[in-house]
């Protein structure tokens, strides 16, 4: 399981539903702080609704 709050952009890009969005996820995390839930991925630019199914590989610790 990949921790959304600790993963690198490369690790996040390895998840099929997040491929190509790792940089935006890390930038969002750096600017706004830790993720409290996976639903916050909808707030990441250009990722709204595209991350469905990532729950099997990504979590929030």
PDB file of N, CA and C in Angstrom:
ATOM      1  N   UNK A   1       0.851  -1.175   0.000  1.00  0.00           N
ATOM      2  CA  UNK A   1       0.000   0.000   0.000  1.00  0.00           C
ATOM      3  C   UNK A   1       0.901   1.245   0.000  1.00  0.00           C
ATOM      4  N   UNK A   2       0.600   2.167  -0.891  1.00  0.00           N
ATOM      5  CA  UNK A   2       1.359   3.407  -1.014  1.00  0.00           C
ATOM      6  C   UNK A   2       0.683   4.467  -0.146  1.00  0.00           C
ATOM      7  N   UNK A   3       1.471   5.117   0.716  1.00  0.00           N
ATOM      8  CA  UNK A   3       0.955   6.179   1.569  1.00  0.00           C
ATOM      9  C   UNK A   3       0.927   7.481   0.773  1.00  0.00           C
ATOM     10  N   UNK A   4      -0.243   8.010   0.591  1.00  0.00           N
ATOM     11  CA  UNK A   4      -0.424   9.239  -0.185  1.00  0.00           C
ATOM     12  C   UNK A   4       0.349  10.412   0.411  1.00  0.00           C
ATOM     13  N   UNK A   5       0.597  10.374   1.712  1.00  0.00           N
ATOM     14  CA  UNK A   5       1.292  11.468   2.380  1.00  0.00           C
ATOM     15  C   UNK A   5       2.806  11.324   2.389  1.00  0.00           C
ATOM     16  N   UNK A   6       3.323  10.199   1.918  1.00  0.00           N
ATOM     17  CA  UNK A   6       4.768   9.981   1.932  1.00  0.00           C
ATOM     18  C   UNK A   6       5.341   9.603   0.566  1.00  0.00           C
ATOM     19  N   UNK A   7       4.485   9.260  -0.378  1.00  0.00           N
ATOM     20  CA  UNK A   7       4.934   8.769  -1.684  1.00  0.00           C
ATOM     21  C   UNK A   7       5.573   9.857  -2.532  1.00  0.00           C
ATOM     22  N   UNK A   8       6.515   9.436  -3.346  1.00  0.00           N
ATOM     23  CA  UNK A   8       7.126  10.337  -4.319  1.00  0.00           C
ATOM     24  C   UNK A   8       6.221  10.423  -5.546  1.00  0.00           C
ATOM     25  N   UNK A   9       6.494  11.380  -6.401  1.00  0.00           N
ATOM     26  CA  UNK A   9       5.730  11.515  -7.644  1.00  0.00           C
ATOM     27  C   UNK A   9       5.865  10.249  -8.491  1.00  0.00           C
ATOM     28  N   UNK A  10       7.047   9.662  -8.505  1.00  0.00           N
ATOM     29  CA  UNK A  10       7.284   8.454  -9.299  1.00  0.00           C
ATOM     30  C   UNK A  10       6.471   7.280  -8.765  1.00  0.00           C
ATOM     31  N   UNK A  11       6.395   7.147  -7.450  1.00  0.00           N
ATOM     32  CA  UNK A  11       5.600   6.067  -6.862  1.00  0.00           C
ATOM     33  C   UNK A  11       4.125   6.244  -7.191  1.00  0.00           C
ATOM     34  N   UNK A  12       3.647   7.466  -7.134  1.00  0.00           N
ATOM     35  CA  UNK A  12       2.243   7.733  -7.443  1.00  0.00           C
ATOM     36  C   UNK A  12       1.954   7.502  -8.921  1.00  0.00           C
ATOM     37  N   UNK A  13       2.887   7.860  -9.787  1.00  0.00           N
ATOM     38  CA  UNK A  13       2.707   7.634 -11.228  1.00  0.00           C
ATOM     39  C   UNK A  13       2.644   6.147 -11.570  1.00  0.00           C
ATOM     40  N   UNK A  14       3.159   5.291 -10.690  1.00  0.00           N
ATOM     41  CA  UNK A  14       3.133   3.843 -10.934  1.00  0.00           C
ATOM     42  C   UNK A  14       1.742   3.254 -10.720  1.00  0.00           C
ATOM     43  N   UNK A  15       0.849   3.988 -10.081  1.00  0.00           N
ATOM     44  CA  UNK A  15      -0.533   3.545  -9.888  1.00  0.00           C
ATOM     45  C   UNK A  15      -1.299   3.921 -11.158  1.00  0.00           C
ATOM     46  N   UNK A  16      -1.875   2.946 -11.852  1.00  0.00           N
ATOM     47  CA  UNK A  16      -2.505   3.236 -13.152  1.00  0.00           C
ATOM     48  C   UNK A  16      -3.490   4.409 -13.142  1.00  0.00           C
ATOM     49  N   UNK A  17      -4.319   4.520 -12.131  1.00  0.00           N
ATOM     50  CA  UNK A  17      -5.310   5.596 -12.080  1.00  0.00           C
ATOM     51  C   UNK A  17      -4.689   6.966 -11.821  1.00  0.00           C
ATOM     52  N   UNK A  18      -3.464   6.990 -11.321  1.00  0.00           N
ATOM     53  CA  UNK A  18      -2.809   8.250 -10.996  1.00  0.00           C
ATOM     54  C   UNK A  18      -1.686   8.606 -11.966  1.00  0.00           C
ATOM     55  N   UNK A  19      -1.441   7.732 -12.923  1.00  0.00           N
ATOM     56  CA  UNK A  19      -0.332   7.928 -13.865  1.00  0.00           C
ATOM     57  C   UNK A  19      -0.385   9.312 -14.509  1.00  0.00           C
ATOM     58  N   UNK A  20       0.747  10.003 -14.446  1.00  0.00           N
ATOM     59  CA  UNK A  20       0.837  11.338 -15.024  1.00  0.00           C
ATOM     60  C   UNK A  20       0.391  12.450 -14.092  1.00  0.00           C
ATOM     61  N   UNK A  21      -0.044  12.089 -12.884  1.00  0.00           N
ATOM     62  CA  UNK A  21      -0.528  13.093 -11.934  1.00  0.00           C
ATOM     63  C   UNK A  21       0.307  13.138 -10.659  1.00  0.00           C
ATOM     64  N   UNK A  22       1.353  12.342 -10.581  1.00  0.00           N
ATOM     65  CA  UNK A  22       2.181  12.281  -9.378  1.00  0.00           C
ATOM     66  C   UNK A  22       2.721  13.640  -8.971  1.00  0.00           C
ATOM     67  N   UNK A  23       3.216  14.395  -9.944  1.00  0.00           N
ATOM     68  CA  UNK A  23       3.770  15.719  -9.644  1.00  0.00           C
ATOM     69  C   UNK A  23       2.714  16.632  -9.036  1.00  0.00           C
ATOM     70  N   UNK A  24       1.508  16.644  -9.611  1.00  0.00           N
ATOM     71  CA  UNK A  24       0.449  17.508  -9.098  1.00  0.00           C
ATOM     72  C   UNK A  24       0.028  17.103  -7.688  1.00  0.00           C
ATOM     73  N   UNK A  25       0.003  15.796  -7.425  1.00  0.00           N
ATOM     74  CA  UNK A  25      -0.376  15.308  -6.096  1.00  0.00           C
ATOM     75  C   UNK A  25       0.651  15.738  -5.060  1.00  0.00           C
ATOM     76  N   UNK A  26       1.929  15.565  -5.373  1.00  0.00           N
ATOM     77  CA  UNK A  26       2.985  15.965  -4.441  1.00  0.00           C
ATOM     78  C   UNK A  26       2.970  17.478  -4.236  1.00  0.00           C
ATOM     79  N   UNK A  27       2.780  18.236  -5.289  1.00  0.00           N
ATOM     80  CA  UNK A  27       2.730  19.701  -5.167  1.00  0.00           C
ATOM     81  C   UNK A  27       1.549  20.131  -4.300  1.00  0.00           C
ATOM     82  N   UNK A  28       0.400  19.512  -4.515  1.00  0.00           N
ATOM     83  CA  UNK A  28      -0.782  19.812  -3.709  1.00  0.00           C
ATOM     84  C   UNK A  28      -0.486  19.536  -2.233  1.00  0.00           C
ATOM     85  N   UNK A  29       0.129  18.398  -1.959  1.00  0.00           N
ATOM     86  CA  UNK A  29       0.461  18.009  -0.582  1.00  0.00           C
ATOM     87  C   UNK A  29       1.443  19.005   0.045  1.00  0.00           C
ATOM     88  N   UNK A  30       2.427  19.436  -0.710  1.00  0.00           N
ATOM     89  CA  UNK A  30       3.409  20.395  -0.196  1.00  0.00           C
ATOM     90  C   UNK A  30       2.788  21.766   0.074  1.00  0.00           C
ATOM     91  N   UNK A  31       1.834  22.160  -0.754  1.00  0.00           N
ATOM     92  CA  UNK A  31       1.216  23.477  -0.607  1.00  0.00           C
ATOM     93  C   UNK A  31       0.120  23.517   0.454  1.00  0.00           C
ATOM     94  N   UNK A  32      -0.623  22.416   0.591  1.00  0.00           N
ATOM     95  CA  UNK A  32      -1.804  22.429   1.463  1.00  0.00           C
ATOM     96  C   UNK A  32      -1.711  21.516   2.666  1.00  0.00           C
ATOM     97  N   UNK A  33      -0.660  20.719   2.755  1.00  0.00           N
ATOM     98  CA  UNK A  33      -0.513  19.821   3.893  1.00  0.00           C
ATOM     99  C   UNK A  33      -0.972  18.411   3.586  1.00  0.00           C
ATOM    100  N   UNK A  34      -0.936  17.609   4.608  1.00  0.00           N
ATOM    101  CA  UNK A  34      -1.253  16.180   4.478  1.00  0.00           C
ATOM    102  C   UNK A  34      -2.681  15.934   4.009  1.00  0.00           C
ATOM    103  N   UNK A  35      -2.842  14.808   3.345  1.00  0.00           N
ATOM    104  CA  UNK A  35      -4.176  14.350   2.962  1.00  0.00           C
ATOM    105  C   UNK A  35      -4.814  13.690   4.178  1.00  0.00           C
ATOM    106  N   UNK A  36      -6.073  13.985   4.421  1.00  0.00           N
ATOM    107  CA  UNK A  36      -6.826  13.336   5.494  1.00  0.00           C
ATOM    108  C   UNK A  36      -7.633  12.163   4.963  1.00  0.00           C
ATOM    109  N   UNK A  37      -7.962  12.202   3.683  1.00  0.00           N
ATOM    110  CA  UNK A  37      -8.715  11.122   3.056  1.00  0.00           C
ATOM    111  C   UNK A  37      -8.408  11.088   1.559  1.00  0.00           C
ATOM    112  N   UNK A  38      -8.694   9.969   0.950  1.00  0.00           N
ATOM    113  CA  UNK A  38      -8.465   9.839  -0.490  1.00  0.00           C
ATOM    114  C   UNK A  38      -9.388  10.758  -1.287  1.00  0.00           C
ATOM    115  N   UNK A  39     -10.522  11.090  -0.741  1.00  0.00           N
ATOM    116  CA  UNK A  39     -11.466  11.972  -1.441  1.00  0.00           C
ATOM    117  C   UNK A  39     -10.846  13.334  -1.766  1.00  0.00           C
ATOM    118  N   UNK A  40      -9.824  13.727  -1.036  1.00  0.00           N
ATOM    119  CA  UNK A  40      -9.161  14.997  -1.315  1.00  0.00           C
ATOM    120  C   UNK A  40      -8.449  14.980  -2.663  1.00  0.00           C
ATOM    121  N   UNK A  41      -8.263  13.804  -3.242  1.00  0.00           N
ATOM    122  CA  UNK A  41      -7.656  13.737  -4.576  1.00  0.00           C
ATOM    123  C   UNK A  41      -8.510  14.485  -5.588  1.00  0.00           C
ATOM    124  N   UNK A  42      -9.813  14.619  -5.315  1.00  0.00           N
ATOM    125  CA  UNK A  42     -10.684  15.383  -6.214  1.00  0.00           C
ATOM    126  C   UNK A  42     -10.309  16.859  -6.251  1.00  0.00           C
ATOM    127  N   UNK A  43      -9.560  17.327  -5.251  1.00  0.00           N
ATOM    128  CA  UNK A  43      -9.148  18.730  -5.201  1.00  0.00           C
ATOM    129  C   UNK A  43      -7.857  18.980  -5.977  1.00  0.00           C
ATOM    130  N   UNK A  44      -7.173  17.914  -6.377  1.00  0.00           N
ATOM    131  CA  UNK A  44      -5.928  18.051  -7.133  1.00  0.00           C
ATOM    132  C   UNK A  44      -6.289  18.422  -8.573  1.00  0.00           C
ATOM    133  N   UNK A  45      -5.678  19.479  -9.111  1.00  0.00           N
ATOM    134  CA  UNK A  45      -6.005  19.897 -10.481  1.00  0.00           C
ATOM    135  C   UNK A  45      -5.900  18.758 -11.499  1.00  0.00           C
ATOM    136  N   UNK A  46      -6.885  18.675 -12.360  1.00  0.00           N
ATOM    137  CA  UNK A  46      -6.964  17.712 -13.468  1.00  0.00           C
ATOM    138  C   UNK A  46      -7.090  16.253 -13.017  1.00  0.00           C
ATOM    139  N   UNK A  47      -7.418  16.012 -11.736  1.00  0.00           N
ATOM    140  CA  UNK A  47      -7.534  14.638 -11.252  1.00  0.00           C
ATOM    141  C   UNK A  47      -8.956  14.292 -10.812  1.00  0.00           C
ATOM    142  N   UNK A  48      -9.835  15.258 -10.756  1.00  0.00           N
ATOM    143  CA  UNK A  48     -11.196  15.035 -10.299  1.00  0.00           C
ATOM    144  C   UNK A  48     -11.863  13.892 -11.057  1.00  0.00           C
ATOM    145  N   UNK A  49     -12.305  12.887 -10.299  1.00  0.00           N
ATOM    146  CA  UNK A  49     -13.022  11.757 -10.877  1.00  0.00           C
ATOM    147  C   UNK A  49     -12.174  10.734 -11.604  1.00  0.00           C
ATOM    148  N   UNK A  50     -10.880  10.947 -11.718  1.00  0.00           N
ATOM    149  CA  UNK A  50     -10.029  10.035 -12.479  1.00  0.00           C
ATOM    150  C   UNK A  50      -9.338   8.994 -11.610  1.00  0.00           C
ATOM    151  N   UNK A  51      -9.403   9.152 -10.297  1.00  0.00           N
ATOM    152  CA  UNK A  51      -8.643   8.276  -9.415  1.00  0.00           C
ATOM    153  C   UNK A  51      -9.445   7.084  -8.908  1.00  0.00           C
ATOM    154  N   UNK A  52     -10.678   6.922  -9.355  1.00  0.00           N
ATOM    155  CA  UNK A  52     -11.500   5.793  -8.913  1.00  0.00           C
ATOM    156  C   UNK A  52     -10.777   4.475  -9.145  1.00  0.00           C
ATOM    157  N   UNK A  53     -10.737   3.650  -8.116  1.00  0.00           N
ATOM    158  CA  UNK A  53     -10.067   2.361  -8.197  1.00  0.00           C
ATOM    159  C   UNK A  53      -8.673   2.383  -7.591  1.00  0.00           C
ATOM    160  N   UNK A  54      -8.145   3.564  -7.340  1.00  0.00           N
ATOM    161  CA  UNK A  54      -6.816   3.667  -6.750  1.00  0.00           C
ATOM    162  C   UNK A  54      -6.785   3.248  -5.293  1.00  0.00           C
ATOM    163  N   UNK A  55      -7.970   3.132  -4.676  1.00  0.00           N
ATOM    164  CA  UNK A  55      -8.069   2.769  -3.271  1.00  0.00           C
ATOM    165  C   UNK A  55      -7.397   1.431  -2.966  1.00  0.00           C
ATOM    166  N   UNK A  56      -7.302   0.569  -3.955  1.00  0.00           N
ATOM    167  CA  UNK A  56      -6.685  -0.736  -3.765  1.00  0.00           C
ATOM    168  C   UNK A  56      -5.170  -0.632  -3.582  1.00  0.00           C
ATOM    169  N   UNK A  57      -4.587   0.460  -4.055  1.00  0.00           N
ATOM    170  CA  UNK A  57      -3.119   0.603  -3.999  1.00  0.00           C
ATOM    171  C   UNK A  57      -2.632   1.792  -3.183  1.00  0.00           C
ATOM    172  N   UNK A  58      -3.522   2.742  -2.896  1.00  0.00           N
ATOM    173  CA  UNK A  58      -3.125   3.974  -2.222  1.00  0.00           C
ATOM    174  C   UNK A  58      -3.977   4.160  -0.973  1.00  0.00           C
ATOM    175  N   UNK A  59      -3.334   4.594   0.098  1.00  0.00           N
ATOM    176  CA  UNK A  59      -4.044   4.869   1.340  1.00  0.00           C
ATOM    177  C   UNK A  59      -3.495   6.107   2.008  1.00  0.00           C
ATOM    178  N   UNK A  60      -4.121   6.506   3.109  1.00  0.00           N
ATOM    179  CA  UNK A  60      -3.696   7.674   3.866  1.00  0.00           C
ATOM    180  C   UNK A  60      -3.361   7.216   5.277  1.00  0.00           C
ATOM    181  N   UNK A  61      -2.117   7.446   5.672  1.00  0.00           N
ATOM    182  CA  UNK A  61      -1.689   7.109   7.045  1.00  0.00           C
ATOM    183  C   UNK A  61      -1.531   8.360   7.845  1.00  0.00           C
TER     184      UNK A  61
END
